[in-house]
Amino acid sequence: MNPVEEGADADTAAHTCMSVDEVLRQTIREIVAEILAEQGKEEYLSVAAAARVASVSPWTIRAWIKAGHLPGYRAGRVLRVKRIELDALMARPWRRQGRQRAADIADGIVRKWVRENP
């Protein structure tokens, strides 16, 4: 092999090593980004921040915690909720539970009366 070819092989080898290094760096970046994204799902939100995310009042967040719809966690005196649990609560369909509004009860009575008295 002549020196020119050896130099060319050395350049190709150096280029290949740099490519492998870059591929390795990119792979590591992707893995780190994935790990950080997973950790972000375990993010704890204050009641005020959770209210902003859910577009409700902070009192509504506290009521959900008290009713058992959303687990609450204490960090000293500060009440927090997990972002992933808030997202799960917001994703599930809601049904009215507990007492009905007076207007709903009145509507039901009127509908029943209309059906029975044509």
N, C-alpha and C. Protein backbone atom coordinates (compact mmCIF):
# COMPACT_ATOMS: atom_id res chain seq x y z
N MET A 1 0.86 -1.16 0.00
CA MET A 1 0.00 0.00 0.00
C MET A 1 0.90 1.23 0.00
N ASN A 2 0.60 2.22 -0.81
CA ASN A 2 1.44 3.41 -0.85
C ASN A 2 1.00 4.41 0.21
N PRO A 3 1.84 5.38 0.54
CA PRO A 3 1.54 6.33 1.62
C PRO A 3 0.28 7.15 1.38
N VAL A 4 -0.02 7.42 0.09
CA VAL A 4 -1.21 8.21 -0.19
C VAL A 4 -2.45 7.43 0.23
N GLU A 5 -2.45 6.12 -0.12
CA GLU A 5 -3.59 5.30 0.25
C GLU A 5 -3.70 5.16 1.77
N GLU A 6 -2.54 5.04 2.44
CA GLU A 6 -2.57 4.94 3.90
C GLU A 6 -3.13 6.21 4.51
N GLY A 7 -2.75 7.37 3.95
CA GLY A 7 -3.28 8.64 4.44
C GLY A 7 -4.77 8.73 4.22
N ALA A 8 -5.21 8.24 3.07
CA ALA A 8 -6.63 8.26 2.77
C ALA A 8 -7.39 7.36 3.74
N ASP A 9 -6.80 6.18 4.03
CA ASP A 9 -7.46 5.28 4.98
C ASP A 9 -7.50 5.90 6.37
N ALA A 10 -6.46 6.62 6.75
CA ALA A 10 -6.42 7.27 8.06
C ALA A 10 -7.49 8.35 8.14
N ASP A 11 -7.64 9.13 7.04
CA ASP A 11 -8.68 10.15 7.01
C ASP A 11 -10.06 9.52 7.09
N THR A 12 -10.26 8.45 6.34
CA THR A 12 -11.55 7.75 6.36
C THR A 12 -11.82 7.18 7.73
N ALA A 13 -10.78 6.60 8.35
CA ALA A 13 -10.93 6.03 9.69
C ALA A 13 -11.26 7.13 10.70
N ALA A 14 -10.57 8.28 10.60
CA ALA A 14 -10.84 9.40 11.51
C ALA A 14 -12.26 9.91 11.31
N HIS A 15 -12.66 10.00 10.02
CA HIS A 15 -14.02 10.46 9.72
C HIS A 15 -15.05 9.48 10.28
N THR A 16 -14.78 8.18 10.13
CA THR A 16 -15.67 7.15 10.63
C THR A 16 -15.75 7.22 12.15
N CYS A 17 -14.60 7.41 12.81
CA CYS A 17 -14.59 7.52 14.28
C CYS A 17 -15.40 8.72 14.73
N MET A 18 -15.26 9.84 14.03
CA MET A 18 -16.05 11.01 14.39
C MET A 18 -17.52 10.74 14.19
N SER A 19 -17.87 10.04 13.14
CA SER A 19 -19.27 9.72 12.90
C SER A 19 -19.82 8.82 14.00
N VAL A 20 -19.03 7.85 14.42
CA VAL A 20 -19.45 6.98 15.50
C VAL A 20 -19.59 7.78 16.78
N ASP A 21 -18.63 8.68 17.02
CA ASP A 21 -18.71 9.53 18.20
C ASP A 21 -19.97 10.39 18.17
N GLU A 22 -20.26 10.96 17.03
CA GLU A 22 -21.45 11.80 16.91
C GLU A 22 -22.72 10.98 17.09
N VAL A 23 -22.74 9.79 16.51
CA VAL A 23 -23.91 8.92 16.67
C VAL A 23 -24.08 8.54 18.14
N LEU A 24 -23.00 8.24 18.81
CA LEU A 24 -23.04 7.90 20.22
C LEU A 24 -23.55 9.08 21.04
N ARG A 25 -23.03 10.27 20.76
CA ARG A 25 -23.49 11.47 21.47
C ARG A 25 -24.98 11.71 21.26
N GLN A 26 -25.43 11.56 20.02
CA GLN A 26 -26.84 11.77 19.71
C GLN A 26 -27.71 10.75 20.44
N THR A 27 -27.26 9.50 20.46
CA THR A 27 -28.00 8.46 21.16
C THR A 27 -28.09 8.77 22.65
N ILE A 28 -27.00 9.20 23.23
CA ILE A 28 -26.99 9.56 24.66
C ILE A 28 -27.93 10.73 24.91
N ARG A 29 -27.91 11.73 24.04
CA ARG A 29 -28.81 12.88 24.18
C ARG A 29 -30.27 12.43 24.17
N GLU A 30 -30.60 11.52 23.25
CA GLU A 30 -31.98 11.03 23.16
C GLU A 30 -32.39 10.27 24.42
N ILE A 31 -31.48 9.44 24.93
CA ILE A 31 -31.78 8.67 26.15
C ILE A 31 -31.98 9.61 27.34
N VAL A 32 -31.10 10.60 27.45
CA VAL A 32 -31.22 11.56 28.55
C VAL A 32 -32.53 12.35 28.44
N ALA A 33 -32.88 12.77 27.23
CA ALA A 33 -34.13 13.50 27.02
C ALA A 33 -35.33 12.65 27.39
N GLU A 34 -35.29 11.35 27.06
CA GLU A 34 -36.38 10.44 27.40
C GLU A 34 -36.50 10.27 28.92
N ILE A 35 -35.37 10.14 29.60
CA ILE A 35 -35.38 10.00 31.05
C ILE A 35 -35.94 11.27 31.70
N LEU A 36 -35.50 12.43 31.21
CA LEU A 36 -36.00 13.69 31.77
C LEU A 36 -37.50 13.86 31.52
N ALA A 37 -37.97 13.39 30.37
CA ALA A 37 -39.40 13.47 30.07
C ALA A 37 -40.18 12.58 31.04
N GLU A 38 -39.68 11.40 31.33
CA GLU A 38 -40.34 10.51 32.28
C GLU A 38 -40.36 11.13 33.67
N GLN A 39 -39.25 11.77 34.06
CA GLN A 39 -39.21 12.41 35.37
C GLN A 39 -40.18 13.57 35.44
N GLY A 40 -40.38 14.26 34.31
CA GLY A 40 -41.32 15.36 34.25
C GLY A 40 -42.74 14.93 34.54
N LYS A 41 -43.06 13.65 34.25
CA LYS A 41 -44.40 13.15 34.54
C LYS A 41 -44.63 13.02 36.03
N GLU A 42 -43.59 12.94 36.81
CA GLU A 42 -43.71 12.85 38.26
C GLU A 42 -43.62 14.24 38.90
N GLU A 43 -43.86 15.24 38.09
CA GLU A 43 -43.79 16.62 38.56
C GLU A 43 -44.91 16.89 39.56
N TYR A 44 -44.57 17.55 40.65
CA TYR A 44 -45.56 17.94 41.65
C TYR A 44 -45.95 19.39 41.40
N LEU A 45 -47.25 19.66 41.44
CA LEU A 45 -47.76 21.01 41.21
C LEU A 45 -48.39 21.55 42.49
N SER A 46 -48.22 22.83 42.71
CA SER A 46 -48.95 23.47 43.81
C SER A 46 -50.43 23.50 43.44
N VAL A 47 -51.27 23.78 44.40
CA VAL A 47 -52.71 23.85 44.14
C VAL A 47 -53.00 24.94 43.10
N ALA A 48 -52.32 26.06 43.21
CA ALA A 48 -52.54 27.16 42.26
C ALA A 48 -52.10 26.75 40.85
N ALA A 49 -50.95 26.09 40.73
CA ALA A 49 -50.47 25.65 39.42
C ALA A 49 -51.39 24.58 38.83
N ALA A 50 -51.86 23.67 39.66
CA ALA A 50 -52.78 22.63 39.21
C ALA A 50 -54.08 23.26 38.73
N ALA A 51 -54.53 24.29 39.43
CA ALA A 51 -55.76 24.99 39.02
C ALA A 51 -55.58 25.64 37.66
N ARG A 52 -54.41 26.23 37.42
CA ARG A 52 -54.15 26.84 36.11
C ARG A 52 -54.14 25.78 35.01
N VAL A 53 -53.52 24.64 35.28
CA VAL A 53 -53.45 23.56 34.29
C VAL A 53 -54.85 23.05 33.97
N ALA A 54 -55.68 22.88 34.99
CA ALA A 54 -57.03 22.32 34.81
C ALA A 54 -58.07 23.38 34.45
N SER A 55 -57.68 24.63 34.46
CA SER A 55 -58.59 25.75 34.17
C SER A 55 -59.77 25.77 35.15
N VAL A 56 -59.46 25.59 36.42
CA VAL A 56 -60.47 25.65 37.47
C VAL A 56 -59.93 26.51 38.60
N SER A 57 -60.74 26.72 39.60
CA SER A 57 -60.34 27.48 40.78
C SER A 57 -59.47 26.61 41.69
N PRO A 58 -58.54 27.23 42.43
CA PRO A 58 -57.79 26.46 43.42
C PRO A 58 -58.70 25.76 44.43
N TRP A 59 -59.86 26.38 44.72
CA TRP A 59 -60.81 25.75 45.64
C TRP A 59 -61.37 24.46 45.06
N THR A 60 -61.51 24.41 43.73
CA THR A 60 -61.99 23.18 43.08
C THR A 60 -60.95 22.07 43.24
N ILE A 61 -59.68 22.40 43.09
CA ILE A 61 -58.61 21.41 43.27
C ILE A 61 -58.67 20.88 44.70
N ARG A 62 -58.81 21.78 45.66
CA ARG A 62 -58.90 21.35 47.07
C ARG A 62 -60.13 20.48 47.31
N ALA A 63 -61.25 20.81 46.66
CA ALA A 63 -62.47 20.02 46.81
C ALA A 63 -62.28 18.62 46.20
N TRP A 64 -61.59 18.54 45.06
CA TRP A 64 -61.31 17.24 44.44
C TRP A 64 -60.44 16.39 45.36
N ILE A 65 -59.48 17.03 46.01
CA ILE A 65 -58.61 16.30 46.94
C ILE A 65 -59.43 15.81 48.13
N LYS A 66 -60.26 16.70 48.68
CA LYS A 66 -61.07 16.34 49.85
C LYS A 66 -62.06 15.22 49.52
N ALA A 67 -62.62 15.25 48.30
CA ALA A 67 -63.60 14.24 47.88
C ALA A 67 -62.92 12.92 47.49
N GLY A 68 -61.60 12.93 47.38
CA GLY A 68 -60.90 11.70 47.01
C GLY A 68 -60.73 11.49 45.52
N HIS A 69 -61.12 12.47 44.71
CA HIS A 69 -60.97 12.36 43.26
C HIS A 69 -59.51 12.52 42.84
N LEU A 70 -58.75 13.25 43.63
CA LEU A 70 -57.36 13.57 43.31
C LEU A 70 -56.52 13.43 44.58
N PRO A 71 -55.47 12.60 44.55
CA PRO A 71 -54.62 12.48 45.74
C PRO A 71 -53.84 13.77 45.98
N GLY A 72 -53.74 14.17 47.23
CA GLY A 72 -52.97 15.34 47.61
C GLY A 72 -51.75 14.92 48.41
N TYR A 73 -50.66 15.65 48.25
CA TYR A 73 -49.41 15.34 48.95
C TYR A 73 -48.95 16.60 49.66
N ARG A 74 -48.50 16.44 50.88
CA ARG A 74 -48.02 17.57 51.67
C ARG A 74 -46.51 17.65 51.58
N ALA A 75 -46.01 18.84 51.33
CA ALA A 75 -44.58 19.15 51.41
C ALA A 75 -44.48 20.23 52.48
N GLY A 76 -44.39 19.79 53.72
CA GLY A 76 -44.49 20.75 54.82
C GLY A 76 -45.92 21.21 54.93
N ARG A 77 -46.13 22.51 54.84
CA ARG A 77 -47.49 23.04 54.91
C ARG A 77 -48.11 23.21 53.53
N VAL A 78 -47.32 22.97 52.49
CA VAL A 78 -47.80 23.20 51.13
C VAL A 78 -48.45 21.92 50.59
N LEU A 79 -49.64 22.07 50.04
CA LEU A 79 -50.36 20.96 49.44
C LEU A 79 -50.00 20.89 47.96
N ARG A 80 -49.67 19.69 47.49
CA ARG A 80 -49.27 19.49 46.09
C ARG A 80 -50.03 18.32 45.49
N VAL A 81 -50.09 18.30 44.15
CA VAL A 81 -50.67 17.17 43.42
C VAL A 81 -49.69 16.77 42.33
N LYS A 82 -49.74 15.50 41.95
CA LYS A 82 -48.89 15.02 40.86
C LYS A 82 -49.53 15.39 39.53
N ARG A 83 -48.71 15.89 38.63
CA ARG A 83 -49.20 16.31 37.31
C ARG A 83 -49.85 15.14 36.57
N ILE A 84 -49.23 13.96 36.64
CA ILE A 84 -49.76 12.80 35.91
C ILE A 84 -51.13 12.39 36.45
N GLU A 85 -51.34 12.53 37.77
CA GLU A 85 -52.63 12.20 38.36
C GLU A 85 -53.69 13.24 37.99
N LEU A 86 -53.29 14.49 37.91
CA LEU A 86 -54.21 15.55 37.47
C LEU A 86 -54.62 15.31 36.02
N ASP A 87 -53.64 14.97 35.17
CA ASP A 87 -53.94 14.70 33.77
C ASP A 87 -54.89 13.51 33.63
N ALA A 88 -54.68 12.48 34.45
CA ALA A 88 -55.56 11.31 34.40
C ALA A 88 -56.98 11.68 34.83
N LEU A 89 -57.10 12.50 35.86
CA LEU A 89 -58.41 12.95 36.33
C LEU A 89 -59.11 13.75 35.23
N MET A 90 -58.38 14.62 34.57
CA MET A 90 -58.98 15.45 33.53
C MET A 90 -59.36 14.64 32.29
N ALA A 91 -58.69 13.51 32.08
CA ALA A 91 -58.95 12.70 30.88
C ALA A 91 -60.17 11.81 31.04
N ARG A 92 -60.55 11.48 32.28
CA ARG A 92 -61.67 10.56 32.43
C ARG A 92 -63.01 11.30 32.35
N PRO A 93 -64.03 10.61 31.86
CA PRO A 93 -65.34 11.26 31.72
C PRO A 93 -65.97 11.52 33.09
N TRP A 94 -66.67 12.63 33.19
CA TRP A 94 -67.30 13.01 34.45
C TRP A 94 -68.76 12.67 34.42
N ARG A 95 -69.23 12.18 35.54
CA ARG A 95 -70.66 12.00 35.77
C ARG A 95 -71.00 12.78 37.02
N ARG A 96 -72.18 13.34 37.03
CA ARG A 96 -72.60 14.08 38.21
C ARG A 96 -72.83 13.10 39.35
N GLN A 97 -72.23 13.37 40.47
CA GLN A 97 -72.41 12.51 41.63
C GLN A 97 -72.98 13.35 42.76
N GLY A 98 -73.58 12.66 43.71
CA GLY A 98 -74.10 13.38 44.86
C GLY A 98 -75.46 13.99 44.59
N ARG A 99 -75.70 15.14 45.18
CA ARG A 99 -77.01 15.78 45.07
C ARG A 99 -77.23 16.38 43.69
N GLN A 100 -78.46 16.27 43.22
CA GLN A 100 -78.82 16.91 41.97
C GLN A 100 -79.21 18.36 42.24
N ARG A 101 -79.04 19.16 41.23
CA ARG A 101 -79.50 20.54 41.37
C ARG A 101 -81.02 20.57 41.40
N ALA A 102 -81.57 21.56 42.07
CA ALA A 102 -83.03 21.69 42.20
C ALA A 102 -83.69 21.79 40.83
N ALA A 103 -83.05 22.49 39.89
CA ALA A 103 -83.62 22.63 38.56
C ALA A 103 -83.71 21.28 37.85
N ASP A 104 -82.72 20.41 38.05
CA ASP A 104 -82.75 19.08 37.43
C ASP A 104 -83.90 18.25 38.01
N ILE A 105 -84.10 18.35 39.31
CA ILE A 105 -85.19 17.62 39.96
C ILE A 105 -86.53 18.12 39.43
N ALA A 106 -86.66 19.44 39.33
CA ALA A 106 -87.91 20.03 38.82
C ALA A 106 -88.16 19.61 37.38
N ASP A 107 -87.13 19.58 36.55
CA ASP A 107 -87.28 19.15 35.16
C ASP A 107 -87.77 17.71 35.09
N GLY A 108 -87.21 16.86 35.94
CA GLY A 108 -87.64 15.46 35.97
C GLY A 108 -89.09 15.30 36.36
N ILE A 109 -89.52 16.09 37.34
CA ILE A 109 -90.92 16.04 37.80
C ILE A 109 -91.85 16.49 36.68
N VAL A 110 -91.47 17.57 35.99
CA VAL A 110 -92.31 18.10 34.91
C VAL A 110 -92.39 17.08 33.77
N ARG A 111 -91.26 16.49 33.37
CA ARG A 111 -91.26 15.50 32.30
C ARG A 111 -92.15 14.30 32.65
N LYS A 112 -92.06 13.84 33.89
CA LYS A 112 -92.87 12.71 34.33
C LYS A 112 -94.35 13.08 34.28
N TRP A 113 -94.71 14.27 34.74
CA TRP A 113 -96.10 14.71 34.72
C TRP A 113 -96.64 14.80 33.29
N VAL A 114 -95.79 15.32 32.36
CA VAL A 114 -96.21 15.46 30.96
C VAL A 114 -96.42 14.09 30.34
N ARG A 115 -95.57 13.12 30.65
CA ARG A 115 -95.74 11.77 30.12
C ARG A 115 -97.02 11.11 30.65
N GLU A 116 -97.31 11.32 31.92
CA GLU A 116 -98.48 10.69 32.53
C GLU A 116 -99.80 11.41 32.21
N ASN A 117 -99.74 12.69 31.82
CA ASN A 117 -100.94 13.47 31.54
C ASN A 117 -100.85 14.08 30.14
N PRO A 118 -101.12 13.25 29.14
CA PRO A 118 -101.01 13.77 27.75
C PRO A 118 -102.03 14.78 27.38
